[in-house]
């Protein structure tokens, strides 16, 4: 499993991560990124943390790399 962590407090709601990888990322009502429900482990105003299957690693990393403010960590 691959851990994905979104630092929601610095997310600018640009939508690039969920445009690139909608299998892992989605926007909330304000457009801020969060992990899709299927992979979500923990959610708050500050963070969205999830675990995705290894076959989604490239997608998750591509979405993270598209983030203009580097709010996403994939490990």
PDB file of N, CA and C in Angstrom:
ATOM      1  N   UNK A   1       0.832  -1.183   0.000  1.00  0.00           N
ATOM      2  CA  UNK A   1       0.000   0.000   0.000  1.00  0.00           C
ATOM      3  C   UNK A   1       0.880   1.252   0.000  1.00  0.00           C
ATOM      4  N   UNK A   2       0.383   2.284  -0.633  1.00  0.00           N
ATOM      5  CA  UNK A   2       1.081   3.557  -0.738  1.00  0.00           C
ATOM      6  C   UNK A   2       0.303   4.582   0.096  1.00  0.00           C
ATOM      7  N   UNK A   3       1.005   5.316   0.972  1.00  0.00           N
ATOM      8  CA  UNK A   3       0.332   6.347   1.758  1.00  0.00           C
ATOM      9  C   UNK A   3       0.328   7.673   0.993  1.00  0.00           C
ATOM     10  N   UNK A   4      -0.823   8.333   1.016  1.00  0.00           N
ATOM     11  CA  UNK A   4      -0.978   9.646   0.380  1.00  0.00           C
ATOM     12  C   UNK A   4      -1.498  10.605   1.452  1.00  0.00           C
ATOM     13  N   UNK A   5      -0.828  11.745   1.577  1.00  0.00           N
ATOM     14  CA  UNK A   5      -1.220  12.742   2.575  1.00  0.00           C
ATOM     15  C   UNK A   5      -1.354  14.102   1.898  1.00  0.00           C
ATOM     16  N   UNK A   6      -2.515  14.707   2.060  1.00  0.00           N
ATOM     17  CA  UNK A   6      -2.766  16.041   1.518  1.00  0.00           C
ATOM     18  C   UNK A   6      -2.788  17.025   2.679  1.00  0.00           C
ATOM     19  N   UNK A   7      -1.949  18.046   2.593  1.00  0.00           N
ATOM     20  CA  UNK A   7      -1.951  19.116   3.596  1.00  0.00           C
ATOM     21  C   UNK A   7      -3.008  20.129   3.152  1.00  0.00           C
ATOM     22  N   UNK A   8      -4.233  19.925   3.617  1.00  0.00           N
ATOM     23  CA  UNK A   8      -5.378  20.721   3.171  1.00  0.00           C
ATOM     24  C   UNK A   8      -5.281  22.186   3.571  1.00  0.00           C
ATOM     25  N   UNK A   9      -4.530  22.506   4.631  1.00  0.00           N
ATOM     26  CA  UNK A   9      -4.437  23.894   5.053  1.00  0.00           C
ATOM     27  C   UNK A   9      -3.676  24.754   4.053  1.00  0.00           C
ATOM     28  N   UNK A  10      -2.856  24.123   3.185  1.00  0.00           N
ATOM     29  CA  UNK A  10      -2.152  24.914   2.172  1.00  0.00           C
ATOM     30  C   UNK A  10      -2.705  24.698   0.757  1.00  0.00           C
ATOM     31  N   UNK A  11      -3.676  23.801   0.622  1.00  0.00           N
ATOM     32  CA  UNK A  11      -4.306  23.556  -0.677  1.00  0.00           C
ATOM     33  C   UNK A  11      -4.998  24.829  -1.159  1.00  0.00           C
ATOM     34  N   UNK A  12      -4.787  25.170  -2.430  1.00  0.00           N
ATOM     35  CA  UNK A  12      -5.397  26.379  -2.996  1.00  0.00           C
ATOM     36  C   UNK A  12      -6.617  26.056  -3.870  1.00  0.00           C
ATOM     37  N   UNK A  13      -7.062  24.813  -3.846  1.00  0.00           N
ATOM     38  CA  UNK A  13      -8.271  24.379  -4.564  1.00  0.00           C
ATOM     39  C   UNK A  13      -8.171  24.596  -6.074  1.00  0.00           C
ATOM     40  N   UNK A  14      -6.985  24.368  -6.631  1.00  0.00           N
ATOM     41  CA  UNK A  14      -6.813  24.555  -8.080  1.00  0.00           C
ATOM     42  C   UNK A  14      -7.387  23.390  -8.882  1.00  0.00           C
ATOM     43  N   UNK A  15      -7.504  22.207  -8.260  1.00  0.00           N
ATOM     44  CA  UNK A  15      -8.097  21.055  -8.920  1.00  0.00           C
ATOM     45  C   UNK A  15      -7.166  20.236  -9.782  1.00  0.00           C
ATOM     46  N   UNK A  16      -5.894  20.593  -9.832  1.00  0.00           N
ATOM     47  CA  UNK A  16      -4.989  19.866 -10.731  1.00  0.00           C
ATOM     48  C   UNK A  16      -4.823  18.406 -10.324  1.00  0.00           C
ATOM     49  N   UNK A  17      -4.737  18.104  -9.037  1.00  0.00           N
ATOM     50  CA  UNK A  17      -4.514  16.719  -8.614  1.00  0.00           C
ATOM     51  C   UNK A  17      -5.679  15.823  -9.012  1.00  0.00           C
ATOM     52  N   UNK A  18      -6.914  16.290  -8.802  1.00  0.00           N
ATOM     53  CA  UNK A  18      -8.038  15.427  -9.161  1.00  0.00           C
ATOM     54  C   UNK A  18      -8.375  15.475 -10.637  1.00  0.00           C
ATOM     55  N   UNK A  19      -7.831  16.436 -11.359  1.00  0.00           N
ATOM     56  CA  UNK A  19      -7.935  16.415 -12.818  1.00  0.00           C
ATOM     57  C   UNK A  19      -6.993  15.356 -13.394  1.00  0.00           C
ATOM     58  N   UNK A  20      -5.805  15.243 -12.797  1.00  0.00           N
ATOM     59  CA  UNK A  20      -4.789  14.287 -13.254  1.00  0.00           C
ATOM     60  C   UNK A  20      -5.103  12.871 -12.778  1.00  0.00           C
ATOM     61  N   UNK A  21      -5.581  12.738 -11.542  1.00  0.00           N
ATOM     62  CA  UNK A  21      -5.789  11.407 -10.955  1.00  0.00           C
ATOM     63  C   UNK A  21      -7.092  11.349 -10.146  1.00  0.00           C
ATOM     64  N   UNK A  22      -8.235  11.293 -10.816  1.00  0.00           N
ATOM     65  CA  UNK A  22      -9.512  11.235 -10.093  1.00  0.00           C
ATOM     66  C   UNK A  22      -9.751   9.916  -9.364  1.00  0.00           C
ATOM     67  N   UNK A  23      -8.929   8.906  -9.637  1.00  0.00           N
ATOM     68  CA  UNK A  23      -9.047   7.636  -8.923  1.00  0.00           C
ATOM     69  C   UNK A  23      -8.637   7.774  -7.460  1.00  0.00           C
ATOM     70  N   UNK A  24      -7.787   8.757  -7.154  1.00  0.00           N
ATOM     71  CA  UNK A  24      -7.252   8.940  -5.798  1.00  0.00           C
ATOM     72  C   UNK A  24      -7.737  10.236  -5.156  1.00  0.00           C
ATOM     73  N   UNK A  25      -7.826  11.303  -5.939  1.00  0.00           N
ATOM     74  CA  UNK A  25      -8.145  12.628  -5.396  1.00  0.00           C
ATOM     75  C   UNK A  25      -9.513  13.116  -5.876  1.00  0.00           C
ATOM     76  N   UNK A  26     -10.151  13.920  -5.025  1.00  0.00           N
ATOM     77  CA  UNK A  26     -11.384  14.591  -5.400  1.00  0.00           C
ATOM     78  C   UNK A  26     -11.451  15.913  -4.648  1.00  0.00           C
ATOM     79  N   UNK A  27     -12.362  16.768  -5.064  1.00  0.00           N
ATOM     80  CA  UNK A  27     -12.533  18.056  -4.406  1.00  0.00           C
ATOM     81  C   UNK A  27     -13.706  18.023  -3.442  1.00  0.00           C
ATOM     82  N   UNK A  28     -13.596  18.799  -2.364  1.00  0.00           N
ATOM     83  CA  UNK A  28     -14.721  18.934  -1.452  1.00  0.00           C
ATOM     84  C   UNK A  28     -15.635  20.068  -1.952  1.00  0.00           C
ATOM     85  N   UNK A  29     -16.577  20.486  -1.157  1.00  0.00           N
ATOM     86  CA  UNK A  29     -17.523  21.532  -1.566  1.00  0.00           C
ATOM     87  C   UNK A  29     -16.845  22.853  -1.902  1.00  0.00           C
ATOM     88  N   UNK A  30     -15.659  23.083  -1.329  1.00  0.00           N
ATOM     89  CA  UNK A  30     -14.901  24.308  -1.587  1.00  0.00           C
ATOM     90  C   UNK A  30     -13.839  24.121  -2.669  1.00  0.00           C
ATOM     91  N   UNK A  31     -13.734  22.896  -3.215  1.00  0.00           N
ATOM     92  CA  UNK A  31     -12.731  22.610  -4.228  1.00  0.00           C
ATOM     93  C   UNK A  31     -11.401  22.137  -3.677  1.00  0.00           C
ATOM     94  N   UNK A  32     -11.258  22.117  -2.338  1.00  0.00           N
ATOM     95  CA  UNK A  32     -10.006  21.652  -1.738  1.00  0.00           C
ATOM     96  C   UNK A  32      -9.885  20.146  -1.920  1.00  0.00           C
ATOM     97  N   UNK A  33      -8.662  19.702  -2.146  1.00  0.00           N
ATOM     98  CA  UNK A  33      -8.413  18.289  -2.416  1.00  0.00           C
ATOM     99  C   UNK A  33      -8.608  17.423  -1.176  1.00  0.00           C
ATOM    100  N   UNK A  34      -9.070  16.205  -1.434  1.00  0.00           N
ATOM    101  CA  UNK A  34      -9.164  15.178  -0.404  1.00  0.00           C
ATOM    102  C   UNK A  34      -9.027  13.820  -1.075  1.00  0.00           C
ATOM    103  N   UNK A  35      -8.780  12.809  -0.287  1.00  0.00           N
ATOM    104  CA  UNK A  35      -8.667  11.438  -0.793  1.00  0.00           C
ATOM    105  C   UNK A  35     -10.080  10.896  -1.032  1.00  0.00           C
ATOM    106  N   UNK A  36     -10.273  10.177  -2.124  1.00  0.00           N
ATOM    107  CA  UNK A  36     -11.590   9.585  -2.382  1.00  0.00           C
ATOM    108  C   UNK A  36     -11.954   8.618  -1.252  1.00  0.00           C
ATOM    109  N   UNK A  37     -13.231   8.476  -0.994  1.00  0.00           N
ATOM    110  CA  UNK A  37     -13.733   7.700   0.143  1.00  0.00           C
ATOM    111  C   UNK A  37     -13.184   6.277   0.184  1.00  0.00           C
ATOM    112  N   UNK A  38     -13.024   5.662  -0.961  1.00  0.00           N
ATOM    113  CA  UNK A  38     -12.551   4.270  -1.028  1.00  0.00           C
ATOM    114  C   UNK A  38     -11.199   4.080  -0.342  1.00  0.00           C
ATOM    115  N   UNK A  39     -10.340   5.091  -0.390  1.00  0.00           N
ATOM    116  CA  UNK A  39      -8.983   4.987   0.149  1.00  0.00           C
ATOM    117  C   UNK A  39      -8.733   5.847   1.378  1.00  0.00           C
ATOM    118  N   UNK A  40      -9.728   6.590   1.819  1.00  0.00           N
ATOM    119  CA  UNK A  40      -9.578   7.522   2.927  1.00  0.00           C
ATOM    120  C   UNK A  40      -9.403   6.796   4.259  1.00  0.00           C
ATOM    121  N   UNK A  41      -8.398   7.222   5.036  1.00  0.00           N
ATOM    122  CA  UNK A  41      -8.162   6.677   6.370  1.00  0.00           C
ATOM    123  C   UNK A  41      -8.437   7.712   7.455  1.00  0.00           C
ATOM    124  N   UNK A  42      -8.109   8.979   7.176  1.00  0.00           N
ATOM    125  CA  UNK A  42      -8.276  10.044   8.165  1.00  0.00           C
ATOM    126  C   UNK A  42      -8.515  11.365   7.453  1.00  0.00           C
ATOM    127  N   UNK A  43      -9.440  12.163   7.972  1.00  0.00           N
ATOM    128  CA  UNK A  43      -9.785  13.437   7.326  1.00  0.00           C
ATOM    129  C   UNK A  43     -10.001  14.506   8.391  1.00  0.00           C
ATOM    130  N   UNK A  44      -9.451  15.685   8.154  1.00  0.00           N
ATOM    131  CA  UNK A  44      -9.699  16.849   9.003  1.00  0.00           C
ATOM    132  C   UNK A  44      -9.588  18.091   8.120  1.00  0.00           C
ATOM    133  N   UNK A  45      -9.741  19.258   8.713  1.00  0.00           N
ATOM    134  CA  UNK A  45      -9.556  20.491   7.953  1.00  0.00           C
ATOM    135  C   UNK A  45      -8.098  20.666   7.537  1.00  0.00           C
ATOM    136  N   UNK A  46      -7.175  20.067   8.309  1.00  0.00           N
ATOM    137  CA  UNK A  46      -5.752  20.229   8.044  1.00  0.00           C
ATOM    138  C   UNK A  46      -5.186  19.167   7.105  1.00  0.00           C
ATOM    139  N   UNK A  47      -5.678  17.926   7.218  1.00  0.00           N
ATOM    140  CA  UNK A  47      -5.109  16.820   6.455  1.00  0.00           C
ATOM    141  C   UNK A  47      -6.184  15.912   5.885  1.00  0.00           C
ATOM    142  N   UNK A  48      -5.816  15.230   4.793  1.00  0.00           N
ATOM    143  CA  UNK A  48      -6.578  14.107   4.269  1.00  0.00           C
ATOM    144  C   UNK A  48      -5.539  13.019   4.023  1.00  0.00           C
ATOM    145  N   UNK A  49      -5.700  11.876   4.683  1.00  0.00           N
ATOM    146  CA  UNK A  49      -4.709  10.808   4.613  1.00  0.00           C
ATOM    147  C   UNK A  49      -5.388   9.536   4.135  1.00  0.00           C
ATOM    148  N   UNK A  50      -4.736   8.866   3.188  1.00  0.00           N
ATOM    149  CA  UNK A  50      -5.278   7.623   2.686  1.00  0.00           C
ATOM    150  C   UNK A  50      -4.196   6.648   2.290  1.00  0.00           C
ATOM    151  N   UNK A  51      -4.614   5.437   1.979  1.00  0.00           N
ATOM    152  CA  UNK A  51      -3.713   4.396   1.484  1.00  0.00           C
ATOM    153  C   UNK A  51      -4.301   3.847   0.195  1.00  0.00           C
ATOM    154  N   UNK A  52      -3.477   3.836  -0.851  1.00  0.00           N
ATOM    155  CA  UNK A  52      -3.930   3.338  -2.144  1.00  0.00           C
ATOM    156  C   UNK A  52      -3.142   2.098  -2.531  1.00  0.00           C
ATOM    157  N   UNK A  53      -3.730   1.301  -3.380  1.00  0.00           N
ATOM    158  CA  UNK A  53      -3.063   0.103  -3.885  1.00  0.00           C
ATOM    159  C   UNK A  53      -1.843   0.492  -4.714  1.00  0.00           C
ATOM    160  N   UNK A  54      -0.854  -0.368  -4.749  1.00  0.00           N
ATOM    161  CA  UNK A  54       0.398  -0.062  -5.454  1.00  0.00           C
ATOM    162  C   UNK A  54       0.189   0.187  -6.944  1.00  0.00           C
ATOM    163  N   UNK A  55      -0.851  -0.380  -7.550  1.00  0.00           N
ATOM    164  CA  UNK A  55      -1.078  -0.133  -8.978  1.00  0.00           C
ATOM    165  C   UNK A  55      -1.521   1.306  -9.253  1.00  0.00           C
ATOM    166  N   UNK A  56      -1.914   2.044  -8.205  1.00  0.00           N
ATOM    167  CA  UNK A  56      -2.275   3.449  -8.366  1.00  0.00           C
ATOM    168  C   UNK A  56      -1.144   4.405  -7.984  1.00  0.00           C
ATOM    169  N   UNK A  57       0.042   3.860  -7.700  1.00  0.00           N
ATOM    170  CA  UNK A  57       1.154   4.702  -7.270  1.00  0.00           C
ATOM    171  C   UNK A  57       1.510   5.761  -8.306  1.00  0.00           C
ATOM    172  N   UNK A  58       1.627   5.385  -9.570  1.00  0.00           N
ATOM    173  CA  UNK A  58       1.993   6.363 -10.604  1.00  0.00           C
ATOM    174  C   UNK A  58       0.947   7.462 -10.702  1.00  0.00           C
ATOM    175  N   UNK A  59      -0.303   7.087 -10.689  1.00  0.00           N
ATOM    176  CA  UNK A  59      -1.394   8.064 -10.744  1.00  0.00           C
ATOM    177  C   UNK A  59      -1.316   9.008  -9.544  1.00  0.00           C
ATOM    178  N   UNK A  60      -1.145   8.461  -8.340  1.00  0.00           N
ATOM    179  CA  UNK A  60      -1.061   9.275  -7.128  1.00  0.00           C
ATOM    180  C   UNK A  60       0.126  10.232  -7.194  1.00  0.00           C
ATOM    181  N   UNK A  61       1.262   9.734  -7.666  1.00  0.00           N
ATOM    182  CA  UNK A  61       2.459  10.579  -7.779  1.00  0.00           C
ATOM    183  C   UNK A  61       2.276  11.666  -8.841  1.00  0.00           C
ATOM    184  N   UNK A  62       1.667  11.307  -9.956  1.00  0.00           N
ATOM    185  CA  UNK A  62       1.411  12.309 -10.999  1.00  0.00           C
ATOM    186  C   UNK A  62       0.503  13.417 -10.469  1.00  0.00           C
ATOM    187  N   UNK A  63      -0.525  13.049  -9.713  1.00  0.00           N
ATOM    188  CA  UNK A  63      -1.406  14.044  -9.116  1.00  0.00           C
ATOM    189  C   UNK A  63      -0.668  14.926  -8.126  1.00  0.00           C
ATOM    190  N   UNK A  64       0.197  14.322  -7.316  1.00  0.00           N
ATOM    191  CA  UNK A  64       0.993  15.079  -6.343  1.00  0.00           C
ATOM    192  C   UNK A  64       1.939  16.045  -7.045  1.00  0.00           C
ATOM    193  N   UNK A  65       2.577  15.581  -8.118  1.00  0.00           N
ATOM    194  CA  UNK A  65       3.521  16.426  -8.852  1.00  0.00           C
ATOM    195  C   UNK A  65       2.826  17.590  -9.553  1.00  0.00           C
ATOM    196  N   UNK A  66       1.540  17.453  -9.824  1.00  0.00           N
ATOM    197  CA  UNK A  66       0.803  18.535 -10.485  1.00  0.00           C
ATOM    198  C   UNK A  66       0.411  19.652  -9.516  1.00  0.00           C
ATOM    199  N   UNK A  67       0.565  19.412  -8.223  1.00  0.00           N
ATOM    200  CA  UNK A  67       0.161  20.385  -7.204  1.00  0.00           C
ATOM    201  C   UNK A  67       1.110  21.580  -7.198  1.00  0.00           C
ATOM    202  N   UNK A  68       0.562  22.749  -7.443  1.00  0.00           N
ATOM    203  CA  UNK A  68       1.356  23.986  -7.537  1.00  0.00           C
ATOM    204  C   UNK A  68       1.974  24.411  -6.211  1.00  0.00           C
ATOM    205  N   UNK A  69       1.360  23.997  -5.098  1.00  0.00           N
ATOM    206  CA  UNK A  69       1.855  24.415  -3.783  1.00  0.00           C
ATOM    207  C   UNK A  69       2.481  23.263  -3.004  1.00  0.00           C
ATOM    208  N   UNK A  70       2.697  22.116  -3.664  1.00  0.00           N
ATOM    209  CA  UNK A  70       3.334  20.940  -3.075  1.00  0.00           C
ATOM    210  C   UNK A  70       2.642  20.510  -1.779  1.00  0.00           C
ATOM    211  N   UNK A  71       1.311  20.434  -1.839  1.00  0.00           N
ATOM    212  CA  UNK A  71       0.518  20.070  -0.661  1.00  0.00           C
ATOM    213  C   UNK A  71       0.333  18.568  -0.494  1.00  0.00           C
ATOM    214  N   UNK A  72       0.867  17.766  -1.428  1.00  0.00           N
ATOM    215  CA  UNK A  72       0.612  16.320  -1.408  1.00  0.00           C
ATOM    216  C   UNK A  72       1.923  15.563  -1.268  1.00  0.00           C
ATOM    217  N   UNK A  73       1.925  14.597  -0.319  1.00  0.00           N
ATOM    218  CA  UNK A  73       3.077  13.709  -0.125  1.00  0.00           C
ATOM    219  C   UNK A  73       2.636  12.286  -0.441  1.00  0.00           C
ATOM    220  N   UNK A  74       3.450  11.579  -1.204  1.00  0.00           N
ATOM    221  CA  UNK A  74       3.186  10.172  -1.524  1.00  0.00           C
ATOM    222  C   UNK A  74       4.388   9.382  -1.037  1.00  0.00           C
ATOM    223  N   UNK A  75       4.133   8.376  -0.189  1.00  0.00           N
ATOM    224  CA  UNK A  75       5.252   7.563   0.329  1.00  0.00           C
ATOM    225  C   UNK A  75       4.876   6.102   0.431  1.00  0.00           C
TER     226      UNK A  75
END
